[in-house]
Amino acid sequence: MLSGFGVRRSQSREPSIHKFRQGAFIKHTPVRDKVPVWDLPVVLEALKFSPFKPLEEIDLDLLMLKTVFC
């Protein structure tokens, strides 16, 4: 028997049962965060130091990032 479905192997080869199992898996797939978890206080603290300081010496792209986050 296939665990969790209560069917024999010969029944599991039936197209309708196979399709049902695929649909059940798709409907109940685990949800994962696509964005990594990050800690805002850590990011803001990092913006206080090099390469984001001193402001007069940093590149414009780093200045833009600092402006967006602060």
Protein backbone atom coordinates (compact mmCIF):
# COMPACT_ATOMS: atom_id res chain seq x y z
CA MET A 1 0.00 0.00 0.00
CA LEU A 2 1.08 3.55 -0.60
CA SER A 3 1.36 5.39 2.69
CA GLY A 4 -1.35 7.93 3.32
CA PHE A 5 -3.55 7.07 0.32
CA GLY A 6 -4.82 3.57 1.18
CA VAL A 7 -4.45 2.21 -2.37
CA ARG A 8 -2.50 -0.72 -3.74
CA ARG A 9 0.35 -0.22 -6.19
CA SER A 10 -1.74 -1.48 -9.12
CA GLN A 11 -4.41 1.11 -8.29
CA SER A 12 -1.82 3.87 -8.06
CA ARG A 13 -1.04 3.43 -11.75
CA GLU A 14 -4.59 4.37 -12.71
CA PRO A 15 -4.48 7.73 -14.54
CA SER A 16 -7.30 9.24 -12.46
CA ILE A 17 -5.62 8.33 -9.16
CA HIS A 18 -2.27 9.58 -10.41
CA LYS A 19 -3.86 12.89 -11.45
CA PHE A 20 -5.61 13.20 -8.07
CA ARG A 21 -2.33 12.67 -6.22
CA GLN A 22 -0.57 15.29 -8.34
CA GLY A 23 -3.36 17.80 -7.70
CA ALA A 24 -3.37 17.09 -3.97
CA PHE A 25 0.38 17.70 -3.83
CA ILE A 26 0.13 20.95 -5.78
CA LYS A 27 -2.74 22.22 -3.62
CA HIS A 28 -0.90 21.49 -0.37
CA THR A 29 2.69 22.41 -1.22
CA PRO A 30 4.60 24.04 1.61
CA VAL A 31 4.80 27.82 1.46
CA ARG A 32 8.31 29.29 1.55
CA ASP A 33 9.30 32.89 1.90
CA LYS A 34 10.89 34.13 -1.29
CA VAL A 35 12.50 37.04 0.48
CA PRO A 36 15.26 36.22 2.97
CA VAL A 37 14.67 37.26 6.56
CA TRP A 38 16.73 40.22 7.70
CA ASP A 39 16.92 42.36 10.80
CA LEU A 40 16.34 46.08 10.23
CA PRO A 41 18.36 47.29 13.25
CA VAL A 42 21.38 45.33 11.98
CA VAL A 43 21.05 46.91 8.53
CA LEU A 44 20.68 50.42 9.94
CA GLU A 45 23.71 49.91 12.19
CA ALA A 46 25.80 48.75 9.21
CA LEU A 47 24.89 51.93 7.31
CA LYS A 48 26.78 53.97 9.92
CA PHE A 49 30.17 52.58 8.92
CA SER A 50 32.36 52.04 5.87
CA PRO A 51 31.64 51.84 2.94
CA PHE A 52 28.72 54.17 3.71
CA LYS A 53 30.76 56.79 5.57
CA PRO A 54 32.08 59.46 5.14
CA LEU A 55 29.39 60.79 2.86
CA GLU A 56 31.78 63.03 0.93
CA GLU A 57 33.78 60.03 -0.29
CA ILE A 58 31.21 57.35 -1.12
CA ASP A 59 29.96 56.44 -4.59
CA LEU A 60 26.53 57.64 -5.67
CA ASP A 61 25.10 54.11 -5.79
CA LEU A 62 26.04 53.54 -2.12
CA LEU A 63 24.63 56.95 -1.22
CA MET A 64 21.38 56.00 -2.94
CA LEU A 65 21.19 52.73 -0.94
CA LYS A 66 21.84 54.57 2.29
CA THR A 67 19.16 57.14 1.44
CA VAL A 68 16.60 54.44 0.65
CA PHE A 69 17.17 52.58 3.92
CA CYS A 70 17.48 55.58 6.25
